[in-house]
N, C-alpha and C. Protein backbone atom coordinates (compact mmCIF):
# COMPACT_ATOMS: atom_id res chain seq x y z
N MET A 1 -217.08 -361.44 72.96
CA MET A 1 -215.82 -361.73 72.30
C MET A 1 -215.56 -360.65 71.26
N THR A 2 -214.37 -360.13 71.26
CA THR A 2 -214.00 -359.11 70.27
C THR A 2 -213.55 -359.79 68.98
N LYS A 3 -213.47 -359.00 67.93
CA LYS A 3 -213.00 -359.53 66.65
C LYS A 3 -211.58 -360.06 66.79
N GLN A 4 -210.71 -359.33 67.49
CA GLN A 4 -209.33 -359.77 67.66
C GLN A 4 -209.25 -361.10 68.42
N GLU A 5 -210.07 -361.24 69.45
CA GLU A 5 -210.11 -362.51 70.20
C GLU A 5 -210.56 -363.64 69.29
N PHE A 6 -211.58 -363.36 68.48
CA PHE A 6 -212.06 -364.39 67.57
C PHE A 6 -210.96 -364.80 66.59
N LEU A 7 -210.27 -363.82 66.01
CA LEU A 7 -209.20 -364.12 65.06
C LEU A 7 -208.05 -364.88 65.73
N ASN A 8 -207.74 -364.52 66.95
CA ASN A 8 -206.70 -365.24 67.69
C ASN A 8 -207.12 -366.69 67.93
N ASN A 9 -208.38 -366.90 68.31
CA ASN A 9 -208.89 -368.26 68.50
C ASN A 9 -208.86 -369.04 67.20
N PHE A 10 -209.24 -368.38 66.12
CA PHE A 10 -209.22 -369.03 64.81
C PHE A 10 -207.80 -369.48 64.46
N ALA A 11 -206.85 -368.63 64.72
CA ALA A 11 -205.44 -368.95 64.41
C ALA A 11 -204.95 -370.14 65.24
N GLN A 12 -205.51 -370.32 66.44
CA GLN A 12 -205.06 -371.40 67.32
C GLN A 12 -205.76 -372.74 67.05
N LYS A 13 -206.89 -372.71 66.36
CA LYS A 13 -207.63 -373.95 66.10
C LYS A 13 -206.85 -374.86 65.16
N GLU A 14 -207.06 -376.16 65.33
CA GLU A 14 -206.47 -377.12 64.39
C GLU A 14 -207.24 -377.01 63.08
N LYS A 15 -206.51 -376.86 61.99
CA LYS A 15 -207.12 -376.63 60.69
C LYS A 15 -207.23 -377.93 59.90
N PRO A 16 -208.22 -378.02 59.01
CA PRO A 16 -208.33 -379.17 58.12
C PRO A 16 -207.10 -379.27 57.22
N LYS A 17 -206.85 -380.47 56.74
CA LYS A 17 -205.66 -380.70 55.92
C LYS A 17 -206.01 -380.92 54.44
N ASP A 18 -207.26 -380.64 54.07
CA ASP A 18 -207.64 -380.74 52.66
C ASP A 18 -208.69 -379.68 52.34
N THR A 19 -208.78 -379.32 51.07
CA THR A 19 -209.71 -378.25 50.68
C THR A 19 -211.17 -378.65 50.84
N THR A 20 -211.46 -379.94 50.76
CA THR A 20 -212.84 -380.40 50.92
C THR A 20 -213.36 -380.04 52.31
N SER A 21 -212.50 -380.14 53.30
CA SER A 21 -212.89 -379.81 54.67
C SER A 21 -212.62 -378.35 55.02
N ALA A 22 -211.67 -377.74 54.34
CA ALA A 22 -211.25 -376.38 54.69
C ALA A 22 -212.35 -375.35 54.45
N MET A 23 -213.03 -375.43 53.32
CA MET A 23 -214.04 -374.42 53.02
C MET A 23 -215.23 -374.49 53.98
N PRO A 24 -215.77 -375.69 54.29
CA PRO A 24 -216.84 -375.72 55.30
C PRO A 24 -216.35 -375.22 56.66
N PHE A 25 -215.10 -375.52 57.01
CA PHE A 25 -214.52 -375.03 58.26
C PHE A 25 -214.50 -373.51 58.28
N LEU A 26 -214.07 -372.91 57.18
CA LEU A 26 -214.03 -371.46 57.07
C LEU A 26 -215.43 -370.86 57.16
N MET A 27 -216.36 -371.42 56.43
CA MET A 27 -217.72 -370.88 56.43
C MET A 27 -218.36 -371.00 57.81
N GLU A 28 -218.14 -372.11 58.48
CA GLU A 28 -218.69 -372.27 59.82
C GLU A 28 -218.06 -371.25 60.78
N SER A 29 -216.77 -371.00 60.63
CA SER A 29 -216.10 -370.01 61.47
C SER A 29 -216.68 -368.62 61.23
N ILE A 30 -216.90 -368.27 59.97
CA ILE A 30 -217.47 -366.96 59.63
C ILE A 30 -218.90 -366.85 60.16
N ASN A 31 -219.67 -367.93 60.03
CA ASN A 31 -221.04 -367.92 60.56
C ASN A 31 -221.05 -367.81 62.08
N GLU A 32 -220.11 -368.48 62.74
CA GLU A 32 -219.99 -368.36 64.20
C GLU A 32 -219.71 -366.91 64.60
N ALA A 33 -218.83 -366.28 63.86
CA ALA A 33 -218.51 -364.87 64.12
C ALA A 33 -219.76 -364.01 63.95
N LYS A 34 -220.50 -364.24 62.89
CA LYS A 34 -221.72 -363.45 62.65
C LYS A 34 -222.72 -363.61 63.78
N ARG A 35 -222.83 -364.84 64.29
CA ARG A 35 -223.74 -365.08 65.43
C ARG A 35 -223.31 -364.28 66.65
N ASN A 36 -222.02 -363.96 66.71
CA ASN A 36 -221.48 -363.16 67.81
C ASN A 36 -221.39 -361.68 67.45
N GLY A 37 -222.01 -361.29 66.34
CA GLY A 37 -222.04 -359.90 65.94
C GLY A 37 -220.73 -359.40 65.34
N ILE A 38 -219.91 -360.31 64.84
CA ILE A 38 -218.61 -359.94 64.28
C ILE A 38 -218.68 -360.03 62.76
N GLU A 39 -218.30 -358.97 62.09
CA GLU A 39 -218.24 -358.93 60.62
C GLU A 39 -216.77 -358.79 60.22
N PHE A 40 -216.42 -359.32 59.05
CA PHE A 40 -215.05 -359.26 58.57
C PHE A 40 -214.94 -358.47 57.28
N THR A 41 -213.83 -357.77 57.13
CA THR A 41 -213.54 -357.10 55.88
C THR A 41 -213.01 -358.15 54.90
N LYS A 42 -212.93 -357.77 53.65
CA LYS A 42 -212.38 -358.64 52.63
C LYS A 42 -210.94 -359.04 52.99
N GLU A 43 -210.18 -358.09 53.49
CA GLU A 43 -208.78 -358.35 53.86
C GLU A 43 -208.69 -359.34 55.02
N GLU A 44 -209.61 -359.24 55.96
CA GLU A 44 -209.61 -360.18 57.09
C GLU A 44 -209.97 -361.59 56.64
N VAL A 45 -210.93 -361.71 55.73
CA VAL A 45 -211.27 -363.03 55.19
C VAL A 45 -210.07 -363.59 54.43
N TYR A 46 -209.38 -362.76 53.68
CA TYR A 46 -208.18 -363.18 52.97
C TYR A 46 -207.14 -363.71 53.96
N SER A 47 -206.95 -363.01 55.06
CA SER A 47 -205.99 -363.45 56.09
C SER A 47 -206.41 -364.77 56.70
N MET A 48 -207.71 -364.94 56.95
CA MET A 48 -208.20 -366.20 57.49
C MET A 48 -207.95 -367.34 56.51
N CYS A 49 -208.17 -367.10 55.22
CA CYS A 49 -207.92 -368.12 54.21
C CYS A 49 -206.44 -368.47 54.13
N THR A 50 -205.60 -367.47 54.25
CA THR A 50 -204.16 -367.70 54.23
C THR A 50 -203.75 -368.55 55.42
N GLU A 51 -204.28 -368.23 56.58
CA GLU A 51 -204.00 -369.01 57.79
C GLU A 51 -204.50 -370.44 57.62
N LEU A 52 -205.67 -370.58 57.06
CA LEU A 52 -206.29 -371.89 56.86
C LEU A 52 -205.49 -372.74 55.88
N SER A 53 -204.92 -372.13 54.88
CA SER A 53 -204.23 -372.89 53.84
C SER A 53 -202.81 -373.30 54.24
N LYS A 54 -202.31 -372.83 55.35
CA LYS A 54 -200.94 -373.16 55.77
C LYS A 54 -200.69 -374.66 55.88
N ASN A 55 -201.70 -375.42 56.31
CA ASN A 55 -201.53 -376.86 56.51
C ASN A 55 -201.88 -377.69 55.28
N LEU A 56 -202.28 -377.04 54.22
CA LEU A 56 -202.68 -377.77 53.02
C LEU A 56 -201.46 -378.12 52.17
N PRO A 57 -201.59 -379.19 51.39
CA PRO A 57 -200.52 -379.51 50.44
C PRO A 57 -200.36 -378.37 49.43
N GLU A 58 -199.19 -378.28 48.83
CA GLU A 58 -198.87 -377.18 47.90
C GLU A 58 -199.93 -377.01 46.81
N LYS A 59 -200.36 -378.10 46.22
CA LYS A 59 -201.37 -378.04 45.15
C LYS A 59 -202.64 -377.35 45.66
N ASN A 60 -203.06 -377.72 46.86
CA ASN A 60 -204.28 -377.14 47.42
C ASN A 60 -204.08 -375.68 47.81
N ARG A 61 -202.89 -375.33 48.27
CA ARG A 61 -202.61 -373.92 48.59
C ARG A 61 -202.73 -373.06 47.34
N ARG A 62 -202.25 -373.57 46.22
CA ARG A 62 -202.36 -372.81 44.96
C ARG A 62 -203.83 -372.64 44.57
N GLN A 63 -204.65 -373.66 44.82
CA GLN A 63 -206.08 -373.55 44.52
C GLN A 63 -206.71 -372.44 45.37
N VAL A 64 -206.36 -372.42 46.63
CA VAL A 64 -206.90 -371.38 47.54
C VAL A 64 -206.45 -370.00 47.06
N GLU A 65 -205.18 -369.88 46.69
CA GLU A 65 -204.66 -368.60 46.20
C GLU A 65 -205.41 -368.14 44.96
N ARG A 66 -205.71 -369.05 44.06
CA ARG A 66 -206.47 -368.68 42.85
C ARG A 66 -207.87 -368.21 43.22
N LEU A 67 -208.49 -368.91 44.15
CA LEU A 67 -209.83 -368.50 44.59
C LEU A 67 -209.80 -367.11 45.23
N LEU A 68 -208.78 -366.85 46.04
CA LEU A 68 -208.69 -365.56 46.70
C LEU A 68 -208.49 -364.42 45.71
N LYS A 69 -207.80 -364.69 44.63
CA LYS A 69 -207.59 -363.65 43.62
C LYS A 69 -208.89 -363.24 42.96
N MET A 70 -209.89 -364.12 43.00
CA MET A 70 -211.19 -363.82 42.41
C MET A 70 -212.06 -362.97 43.33
N LEU A 71 -211.66 -362.85 44.60
CA LEU A 71 -212.46 -362.04 45.54
C LEU A 71 -212.36 -360.56 45.23
């Protein structure tokens, strides 16, 4: 699986609807990629977080945005 295929699959997956579930979902996805020999740049992780936060309530999206600014 290529990095692009992995990112496309990630974009198609049903995402959690709260931050409590979103971060473990993200970490498991990143670990799955690593098991497949795929590494991500900071910008790619940022994009994955942005994609992940699309389904979150506004308050939670702001929390994710604040966390990403610390990266």
